[in-house]
Amino acid sequence: AARADALRAVPLPKQFFPVAGLPLLAHTLRCLERHPRVGPIALILPAAELDELGAPRRFSLAGFSKVERILAGGATRQESVARGLAALDFWEGPLLVQDGARPCTPPEVIDRVIDGVLAWGSAAAAIPVRDTVKRATEGGLVRETLDRQDLWQTQTPQGFQIQLLREAHERAAAQGLRATDDIGLLEALGIATHLVLGDPLNIKVTYPEDLALAEAILARADAGEMAGGAGGERRPHFTAGEMRARQSDAGEMRGRSRVGYGYDVHSLRAGIPLMLGGVAVPWEKGLLGHSDGDVMLHAIMDALLGAAALGDIGAHFPDTDPQYKGCASLSLLARVGEKLSRAGCEISNIDCTLAAERPKIQAYIPAMRRSISQTLAIPETLVSVKATTEEGLGFVGRGEGMACHAVCALIQR
């Protein structure tokens, strides 16, 4: 309480307020400095916070070897990021934009954003909105209740292929567009950004009361480091899975692994497209089904829903409902992914095996993995696709149909 009062009383930018013995910004930089996939850092500060030599006035950068540029920011966040882009003219890889007041960003969140940029060109960390959200008048009267199923709370880092972000800022400047974050600039220009799973502990310190929470998270992380492992190894700076496992939700331990199994079978018919793993595979026959008959995606969906104890695809997308007649199974898979997010489940991995005599699908497996991973907004490395034959036995062996087995693992947040 005393520290909160001090924060209110002292005209000190919040990113320099001391937390656990260091300025808040130093903790944020530490998350980036220690991450093996993060390269050069451009540090953007208010002009008043830089000394005559252009160094920060309030803390030392000793130990932050990745900070290659220190810049005076602009009047808005948008102007500051634009200056950072100009200073990183030598960089052509993925770019992360991080709030200086996010001291507890887990390394796995940074990984997910980087993987998202590599897959789609842009990605931002976000978490599903948990509380009921109301729209109200200025006087505080409730006007409506918003459907939280489609609402996400964005975090940082936000990631982009740097040329895409440069173009967005250039076009925004030319058209006089303003946004509160960088994905807002892309959105204003008609460019969609994928959301990847953030973390509730990836807090942004906004109010004085947030300081105590940030310090508690940092203290727990540092205690984990000092504990070390076998042979005295230092542990990672921040392990969100450990933190989640210590929290309870409805009386159950969070961070628990859940395993699901799915199986599906469809008959083959001549003259219809063959869809497997969201990919059109050229062949003389296709799979008969109420939707597009994608036996691989159906098995994967059943495994995912089963692992989360959400029933099966028949319960969610019944073949008696005309809206699903001939629909793309990829669209159904995307909806399953949304259901998992709302249930607090994160996909750990997916493995499936197609049973079919023909055609050979080896050449199409990379596209299938990419299609599945992009639809579920997970790294491609978490998706495995294999194929086998039935050696001429049974309905698959006789070429009458195809079957698919799938297993998956989820983490309950």
Protein backbone atom coordinates (compact mmCIF):
# COMPACT_ATOMS: atom_id res chain seq x y z
CA ALA A 1 0.00 0.00 0.00
CA ALA A 2 2.84 2.39 0.85
CA ARG A 3 4.54 1.65 -2.45
CA ALA A 4 1.28 2.17 -4.34
CA ASP A 5 0.87 5.53 -2.65
CA ALA A 6 4.42 6.42 -3.59
CA LEU A 7 3.79 5.49 -7.20
CA ARG A 8 0.79 7.79 -7.27
CA ALA A 9 2.72 10.62 -5.62
CA VAL A 10 6.03 10.51 -7.50
CA PRO A 11 6.08 11.72 -11.12
CA LEU A 12 8.13 8.69 -12.20
CA PRO A 13 7.37 6.79 -15.42
CA LYS A 14 6.02 3.43 -14.32
CA GLN A 15 8.58 1.44 -16.28
CA PHE A 16 11.29 2.78 -13.94
CA PHE A 17 9.53 2.08 -10.67
CA PRO A 18 11.56 -0.39 -8.56
CA VAL A 19 10.21 -3.94 -8.33
CA ALA A 20 12.19 -6.74 -6.66
CA GLY A 21 15.27 -4.54 -6.56
CA LEU A 22 15.28 -3.50 -10.23
CA PRO A 23 13.35 -1.05 -12.39
CA LEU A 24 10.30 -2.62 -13.99
CA LEU A 25 11.83 -2.14 -17.44
CA ALA A 26 14.93 -4.10 -16.47
CA HIS A 27 12.77 -7.16 -15.73
CA THR A 28 11.10 -6.80 -19.12
CA LEU A 29 14.49 -6.61 -20.84
CA ARG A 30 15.67 -9.63 -18.86
CA CYS A 31 12.85 -11.76 -20.34
CA LEU A 32 14.04 -10.83 -23.84
CA GLU A 33 17.76 -10.95 -23.11
CA ARG A 34 17.54 -14.52 -21.81
CA HIS A 35 15.44 -15.89 -24.65
CA PRO A 36 17.64 -17.78 -27.15
CA ARG A 37 15.50 -16.83 -30.17
CA VAL A 38 15.51 -13.07 -29.51
CA GLY A 39 18.13 -11.08 -31.41
CA PRO A 40 19.04 -7.39 -31.33
CA ILE A 41 16.85 -5.11 -29.20
CA ALA A 42 15.93 -1.48 -29.88
CA LEU A 43 15.11 0.20 -26.57
CA ILE A 44 12.77 3.18 -26.97
CA LEU A 45 12.49 5.59 -24.03
CA PRO A 46 11.06 9.05 -23.39
CA ALA A 47 13.62 11.68 -24.46
CA ALA A 48 13.79 13.03 -20.90
CA GLU A 49 14.98 9.62 -19.68
CA LEU A 50 18.13 9.66 -21.81
CA ASP A 51 21.33 11.38 -20.70
CA GLU A 52 23.61 13.49 -22.88
CA LEU A 53 25.24 10.35 -24.29
CA GLY A 54 21.91 8.74 -25.10
CA ALA A 55 22.02 6.19 -22.27
CA PRO A 56 19.19 5.55 -19.78
CA ARG A 57 19.43 7.83 -16.77
CA ARG A 58 17.80 5.56 -14.21
CA PHE A 59 19.48 2.15 -14.66
CA SER A 60 22.50 0.49 -16.18
CA LEU A 61 22.39 -1.67 -19.29
CA ALA A 62 25.24 -3.81 -18.01
CA GLY A 63 24.30 -7.41 -18.70
CA PHE A 64 21.94 -6.53 -21.56
CA SER A 65 24.18 -7.33 -24.49
CA LYS A 66 21.32 -7.57 -26.99
CA VAL A 67 20.37 -3.88 -26.67
CA GLU A 68 21.91 -2.48 -29.87
CA ARG A 69 19.87 0.70 -30.28
CA ILE A 70 18.65 3.21 -27.68
CA LEU A 71 16.19 5.77 -29.04
CA ALA A 72 14.05 8.66 -27.91
CA GLY A 73 10.40 7.80 -28.46
CA GLY A 74 7.69 9.92 -30.00
CA ALA A 75 4.56 11.49 -28.61
CA THR A 76 2.55 8.26 -29.14
CA ARG A 77 3.23 4.55 -29.06
CA GLN A 78 2.76 4.46 -32.83
CA GLU A 79 5.43 7.12 -33.38
CA SER A 80 7.81 5.33 -31.03
CA VAL A 81 7.46 2.01 -32.86
CA ALA A 82 7.98 3.79 -36.18
CA ARG A 83 11.26 5.19 -34.86
CA GLY A 84 12.29 1.71 -33.75
CA LEU A 85 11.57 0.36 -37.22
CA ALA A 86 13.74 3.05 -38.77
CA ALA A 87 16.61 2.24 -36.39
CA LEU A 88 16.41 -1.48 -37.22
CA ASP A 89 16.92 -0.90 -40.93
CA PHE A 90 19.57 -3.65 -40.94
CA TRP A 91 17.11 -6.28 -39.67
CA GLU A 92 14.98 -8.35 -42.08
CA GLY A 93 13.71 -11.15 -39.84
CA PRO A 94 10.66 -11.37 -37.58
CA LEU A 95 10.18 -8.40 -35.27
CA LEU A 96 8.63 -8.42 -31.79
CA VAL A 97 7.06 -5.32 -30.23
CA GLN A 98 7.01 -5.56 -26.43
CA ASP A 99 5.56 -3.31 -23.73
CA GLY A 100 8.21 -2.04 -21.33
CA ALA A 101 5.87 -2.70 -18.40
CA ARG A 102 5.45 -6.47 -18.95
CA PRO A 103 8.09 -7.88 -16.59
CA CYS A 104 6.85 -11.49 -16.42
CA THR A 105 6.49 -12.66 -20.04
CA PRO A 106 7.01 -16.45 -20.10
CA PRO A 107 9.49 -17.77 -22.70
CA GLU A 108 6.86 -20.09 -24.18
CA VAL A 109 4.65 -17.09 -25.01
CA ILE A 110 7.57 -15.51 -26.88
CA ASP A 111 8.07 -18.83 -28.71
CA ARG A 112 4.41 -19.00 -29.74
CA VAL A 113 4.49 -15.46 -31.13
CA ILE A 114 7.70 -16.13 -33.09
CA ASP A 115 6.27 -19.38 -34.47
CA GLY A 116 3.11 -17.52 -35.44
CA VAL A 117 5.07 -14.87 -37.33
CA LEU A 118 7.00 -17.54 -39.20
CA ALA A 119 3.76 -19.31 -40.12
CA TRP A 120 1.48 -16.36 -40.96
CA GLY A 121 3.48 -13.16 -41.11
CA SER A 122 2.01 -11.64 -37.94
CA ALA A 123 0.86 -12.91 -34.54
CA ALA A 124 -0.03 -11.53 -31.14
CA ALA A 125 -0.31 -13.08 -27.70
CA ALA A 126 -3.84 -13.05 -26.27
CA ILE A 127 -5.99 -14.80 -23.68
CA PRO A 128 -9.75 -15.47 -23.79
CA VAL A 129 -11.84 -13.02 -21.80
CA ARG A 130 -13.00 -14.85 -18.68
CA ASP A 131 -15.43 -12.40 -17.13
CA THR A 132 -18.79 -11.29 -18.43
CA VAL A 133 -18.35 -8.01 -20.30
CA LYS A 134 -20.94 -5.23 -20.27
CA ARG A 135 -21.31 -2.20 -22.51
CA ALA A 136 -22.54 0.77 -20.44
CA THR A 137 -23.43 4.43 -20.79
CA GLU A 138 -21.27 7.22 -19.39
CA GLY A 139 -23.53 7.20 -16.35
CA GLY A 140 -22.80 3.52 -15.70
CA LEU A 141 -26.10 2.06 -16.92
CA VAL A 142 -25.76 -1.31 -18.64
CA ARG A 143 -26.72 -1.15 -22.30
CA GLU A 144 -25.92 -4.72 -23.35
CA THR A 145 -24.02 -7.87 -22.42
CA LEU A 146 -21.35 -8.85 -24.95
CA ASP A 147 -20.79 -12.44 -26.01
CA ARG A 148 -17.41 -13.20 -24.47
CA GLN A 149 -16.91 -16.35 -26.57
CA ASP A 150 -15.42 -14.23 -29.35
CA LEU A 151 -13.57 -11.76 -27.10
CA TRP A 152 -9.84 -11.94 -26.46
CA GLN A 153 -7.60 -9.77 -24.31
CA THR A 154 -4.45 -8.98 -26.29
CA GLN A 155 -1.02 -8.89 -24.73
CA THR A 156 2.48 -8.35 -26.00
CA PRO A 157 4.73 -9.35 -27.56
CA GLN A 158 3.13 -8.74 -30.91
CA GLY A 159 5.15 -10.11 -33.80
CA PHE A 160 5.47 -9.28 -37.49
CA GLN A 161 7.57 -9.90 -40.52
CA ILE A 162 9.34 -6.56 -40.37
CA GLN A 163 8.57 -5.53 -43.94
CA LEU A 164 4.85 -6.04 -43.29
CA LEU A 165 4.99 -3.76 -40.24
CA ARG A 166 7.04 -1.17 -42.10
CA GLU A 167 4.44 -1.08 -44.85
CA ALA A 168 1.61 -0.79 -42.31
CA HIS A 169 3.29 2.17 -40.59
CA GLU A 170 4.11 3.88 -43.89
CA ARG A 171 0.56 3.55 -45.17
CA ALA A 172 -0.87 4.62 -41.81
CA ALA A 173 1.31 7.73 -41.81
CA ALA A 174 0.28 8.56 -45.37
CA GLN A 175 -3.43 8.11 -44.59
CA GLY A 176 -3.40 9.64 -41.12
CA LEU A 177 -4.47 6.41 -39.42
CA ARG A 178 -4.03 5.99 -35.67
CA ALA A 179 -4.23 2.83 -33.57
CA THR A 180 -3.45 1.88 -29.98
CA ASP A 181 -1.27 -1.06 -31.06
CA ASP A 182 0.37 -2.42 -34.17
CA ILE A 183 -2.18 -5.11 -34.98
CA GLY A 184 -4.70 -2.25 -34.95
CA LEU A 185 -2.74 -0.64 -37.78
CA LEU A 186 -2.83 -3.86 -39.77
CA GLU A 187 -6.53 -4.26 -39.02
CA ALA A 188 -7.26 -0.73 -40.25
CA LEU A 189 -5.55 -1.63 -43.51
CA GLY A 190 -7.50 -4.86 -43.94
CA ILE A 191 -4.68 -7.21 -42.85
CA ALA A 192 -5.67 -9.92 -40.36
CA THR A 193 -3.41 -10.92 -37.47
CA HIS A 194 -3.47 -14.37 -35.89
CA LEU A 195 -3.80 -14.63 -32.13
CA VAL A 196 -1.69 -17.16 -30.24
CA LEU A 197 -2.16 -18.19 -26.66
CA GLY A 198 -0.72 -15.78 -24.12
CA ASP A 199 -0.61 -16.30 -20.37
CA PRO A 200 -2.59 -14.79 -17.47
CA LEU A 201 0.70 -14.18 -15.68
CA ASN A 202 1.99 -12.07 -18.57
CA ILE A 203 0.63 -9.00 -16.83
CA LYS A 204 1.06 -5.38 -17.87
CA VAL A 205 1.68 -3.13 -14.87
CA THR A 206 -0.89 -0.38 -15.26
CA TYR A 207 -2.15 0.43 -11.78
CA PRO A 208 -0.21 0.71 -8.52
CA GLU A 209 -1.95 -2.43 -7.26
CA ASP A 210 -0.31 -4.41 -10.08
CA LEU A 211 3.11 -3.96 -8.50
CA ALA A 212 2.50 -6.46 -5.72
CA LEU A 213 1.38 -9.11 -8.20
CA ALA A 214 4.39 -8.50 -10.45
CA GLU A 215 6.75 -8.76 -7.50
CA ALA A 216 5.15 -12.01 -6.33
CA ILE A 217 5.51 -13.58 -9.79
CA LEU A 218 9.11 -12.43 -10.11
CA ALA A 219 9.98 -13.65 -6.62
CA ARG A 220 8.60 -17.09 -7.45
CA ALA A 221 10.55 -17.19 -10.72
CA ASP A 222 13.81 -16.16 -9.06
CA ALA A 223 13.30 -18.70 -6.29
CA GLY A 224 13.00 -21.35 -8.99
CA GLU A 225 16.25 -20.18 -10.55
CA MET A 226 18.18 -20.30 -7.30
CA ALA A 227 16.89 -23.78 -6.52
CA GLY A 228 18.73 -25.10 -9.56
CA GLY A 229 18.60 -28.62 -10.92
CA ALA A 230 20.80 -31.67 -10.99
CA GLY A 231 24.42 -30.69 -11.05
CA GLY A 232 23.60 -27.16 -9.91
CA GLU A 233 22.05 -26.07 -13.21
CA ARG A 234 20.08 -22.87 -13.13
CA ARG A 235 16.44 -23.25 -14.02
CA PRO A 236 14.67 -21.13 -16.68
CA HIS A 237 13.85 -17.58 -15.66
CA PHE A 238 10.12 -18.19 -15.79
CA THR A 239 8.18 -21.45 -16.11
CA ALA A 240 4.52 -20.66 -16.64
CA GLY A 241 3.56 -24.33 -16.47
CA GLU A 242 4.89 -24.54 -12.91
CA MET A 243 2.99 -21.42 -11.94
CA ARG A 244 -0.22 -22.73 -13.47
CA ALA A 245 0.19 -26.08 -11.77
CA ARG A 246 0.14 -24.35 -8.39
CA GLN A 247 -3.16 -22.63 -9.03
CA SER A 248 -6.55 -24.32 -8.52
CA ASP A 249 -9.61 -24.01 -10.67
CA ALA A 250 -12.94 -25.36 -9.42
CA GLY A 251 -11.07 -27.55 -6.96
CA GLU A 252 -8.85 -29.20 -9.57
CA MET A 253 -5.12 -28.80 -10.12
CA ARG A 254 -4.35 -26.76 -13.22
CA GLY A 255 -1.48 -27.57 -15.56
CA ARG A 256 -2.72 -31.17 -15.81
CA SER A 257 -2.10 -33.11 -19.04
CA ARG A 258 -5.14 -34.60 -20.81
CA VAL A 259 -4.98 -37.24 -23.56
CA GLY A 260 -7.59 -37.85 -26.25
CA TYR A 261 -8.17 -40.53 -28.90
CA GLY A 262 -10.17 -40.21 -32.10
CA TYR A 263 -11.18 -42.61 -34.85
CA ASP A 264 -13.19 -42.13 -38.03
CA VAL A 265 -13.97 -44.04 -41.20
CA HIS A 266 -15.55 -43.02 -44.53
CA SER A 267 -16.36 -44.94 -47.68
CA LEU A 268 -14.89 -44.05 -51.06
CA ARG A 269 -16.94 -42.95 -54.06
CA ALA A 270 -15.86 -42.11 -57.59
CA GLY A 271 -16.21 -38.60 -58.94
CA ILE A 272 -15.97 -36.56 -55.72
CA PRO A 273 -12.93 -34.61 -54.39
CA LEU A 274 -10.63 -36.33 -51.93
CA MET A 275 -9.92 -34.10 -48.92
CA LEU A 276 -7.34 -35.23 -46.37
CA GLY A 277 -5.95 -33.04 -43.63
CA GLY A 278 -7.55 -30.00 -45.25
CA VAL A 279 -5.68 -30.63 -48.50
CA ALA A 280 -7.23 -31.60 -51.86
CA VAL A 281 -5.42 -34.79 -52.96
CA PRO A 282 -5.76 -35.57 -56.68
CA TRP A 283 -7.35 -39.02 -57.14
CA GLU A 284 -10.20 -40.73 -58.92
CA LYS A 285 -12.24 -41.20 -55.73
CA GLY A 286 -13.21 -39.14 -52.71
CA LEU A 287 -14.61 -39.79 -49.25
CA LEU A 288 -18.36 -39.72 -48.77
CA GLY A 289 -19.63 -37.70 -45.83
CA HIS A 290 -22.14 -35.10 -44.69
CA SER A 291 -19.36 -32.49 -44.77
CA ASP A 292 -16.40 -32.83 -47.14
CA GLY A 293 -15.63 -36.29 -45.71
CA ASP A 294 -12.14 -35.40 -44.45
CA VAL A 295 -11.56 -38.53 -42.36
CA MET A 296 -8.25 -37.24 -41.00
CA LEU A 297 -9.63 -33.98 -39.63
CA HIS A 298 -12.68 -35.78 -38.21
CA ALA A 299 -10.46 -38.15 -36.22
CA ILE A 300 -8.33 -35.24 -34.99
CA MET A 301 -11.43 -33.29 -33.91
CA ASP A 302 -12.76 -36.28 -31.99
CA ALA A 303 -9.41 -36.68 -30.22
CA LEU A 304 -9.28 -32.99 -29.26
CA LEU A 305 -12.87 -32.88 -28.05
CA GLY A 306 -12.42 -36.13 -26.15
CA ALA A 307 -9.29 -34.92 -24.39
CA ALA A 308 -11.20 -31.85 -23.19
CA ALA A 309 -14.23 -33.98 -22.23
CA LEU A 310 -16.41 -31.98 -24.64
CA GLY A 311 -18.13 -34.91 -26.36
CA ASP A 312 -17.59 -35.78 -30.02
CA ILE A 313 -18.02 -34.09 -33.40
CA GLY A 314 -21.47 -35.61 -33.83
CA ALA A 315 -22.66 -33.74 -30.76
CA HIS A 316 -21.29 -30.41 -32.00
CA PHE A 317 -21.80 -30.75 -35.77
CA PRO A 318 -24.60 -33.32 -36.30
CA ASP A 319 -25.10 -34.79 -39.78
CA THR A 320 -28.80 -33.99 -39.43
CA ASP A 321 -28.05 -30.25 -39.53
CA PRO A 322 -28.17 -28.88 -43.10
CA GLN A 323 -25.72 -26.06 -42.31
CA TYR A 324 -22.91 -28.61 -42.22
CA LYS A 325 -23.84 -30.25 -45.54
CA GLY A 326 -20.72 -30.17 -47.72
CA CYS A 327 -18.92 -27.74 -45.42
CA ALA A 328 -15.14 -27.63 -45.20
CA SER A 329 -13.87 -29.70 -42.27
CA LEU A 330 -11.15 -27.11 -41.72
CA SER A 331 -13.84 -24.63 -40.67
CA LEU A 332 -15.12 -27.17 -38.15
CA LEU A 333 -11.58 -27.76 -36.88
CA ALA A 334 -11.20 -24.01 -36.31
CA ARG A 335 -14.37 -24.03 -34.23
CA VAL A 336 -13.06 -26.98 -32.20
CA GLY A 337 -9.91 -24.95 -31.53
CA GLU A 338 -12.06 -22.08 -30.24
CA LYS A 339 -13.97 -24.46 -27.96
CA LEU A 340 -10.69 -25.73 -26.51
CA SER A 341 -9.53 -22.18 -25.79
CA ARG A 342 -12.76 -21.36 -24.00
CA ALA A 343 -12.37 -24.55 -21.98
CA GLY A 344 -8.88 -23.44 -20.92
CA CYS A 345 -7.06 -26.16 -22.90
CA GLU A 346 -3.80 -25.72 -24.79
CA ILE A 347 -2.74 -28.24 -27.44
CA SER A 348 0.50 -29.99 -26.59
CA ASN A 349 0.68 -32.21 -29.68
CA ILE A 350 -1.38 -34.12 -32.27
CA ASP A 351 -0.45 -37.42 -33.94
CA CYS A 352 -2.59 -39.18 -36.55
CA THR A 353 -2.27 -42.21 -38.81
CA LEU A 354 -4.27 -42.60 -42.02
CA ALA A 355 -5.13 -46.15 -43.10
CA ALA A 356 -5.53 -46.31 -46.89
CA GLU A 357 -4.34 -48.53 -49.74
CA ARG A 358 -4.22 -45.70 -52.27
CA PRO A 359 -3.26 -43.03 -53.12
CA LYS A 360 0.17 -42.46 -51.66
CA ILE A 361 0.04 -39.25 -49.62
CA GLN A 362 3.69 -38.77 -48.63
CA ALA A 363 4.10 -35.79 -50.94
CA TYR A 364 1.08 -34.06 -49.39
CA ILE A 365 1.94 -34.56 -45.71
CA PRO A 366 3.83 -31.23 -45.32
CA ALA A 367 0.81 -29.34 -46.66
CA MET A 368 -1.51 -31.29 -44.35
CA ARG A 369 0.61 -30.50 -41.28
CA ARG A 370 0.74 -26.85 -42.28
CA SER A 371 -3.03 -26.71 -42.86
CA ILE A 372 -3.83 -28.28 -39.48
CA SER A 373 -1.32 -26.17 -37.54
CA GLN A 374 -2.42 -22.89 -39.10
CA THR A 375 -6.09 -23.62 -38.49
CA LEU A 376 -5.44 -24.40 -34.82
CA ALA A 377 -2.88 -21.57 -34.44
CA ILE A 378 -0.17 -23.91 -33.16
CA PRO A 379 3.37 -24.54 -34.41
CA GLU A 380 3.68 -27.07 -37.22
CA THR A 381 6.15 -29.02 -35.09
CA LEU A 382 3.24 -30.06 -32.83
CA VAL A 383 1.42 -31.87 -35.65
CA SER A 384 2.38 -35.35 -36.90
CA VAL A 385 0.75 -37.03 -39.92
CA LYS A 386 1.54 -40.62 -40.95
CA ALA A 387 0.03 -43.19 -43.30
CA THR A 388 -0.15 -46.97 -43.50
CA THR A 389 -1.93 -49.66 -45.52
CA GLU A 390 -4.00 -52.62 -44.32
CA GLU A 391 -2.03 -55.08 -46.48
CA GLY A 392 -5.15 -55.85 -48.52
CA LEU A 393 -7.22 -56.82 -45.48
CA GLY A 394 -10.69 -55.57 -44.56
CA PHE A 395 -12.69 -52.76 -46.16
CA VAL A 396 -9.63 -50.49 -46.25
CA GLY A 397 -7.52 -53.21 -47.83
CA ARG A 398 -10.20 -53.79 -50.47
CA GLY A 399 -10.18 -50.09 -51.34
CA GLU A 400 -13.74 -49.51 -50.14
CA GLY A 401 -12.86 -46.72 -47.71
CA MET A 402 -10.29 -45.05 -45.48
CA ALA A 403 -9.87 -44.86 -41.72
CA CYS A 404 -7.86 -42.61 -39.46
CA HIS A 405 -6.65 -42.89 -35.88
CA ALA A 406 -5.61 -39.76 -33.94
CA VAL A 407 -4.26 -39.06 -30.50
CA CYS A 408 -3.55 -35.72 -28.86
CA ALA A 409 -2.38 -34.24 -25.59
CA LEU A 410 -3.76 -31.06 -24.04
CA ILE A 411 -2.63 -28.97 -21.10
CA GLN A 412 -5.43 -27.75 -18.84
CA ARG A 413 -4.67 -24.14 -17.99
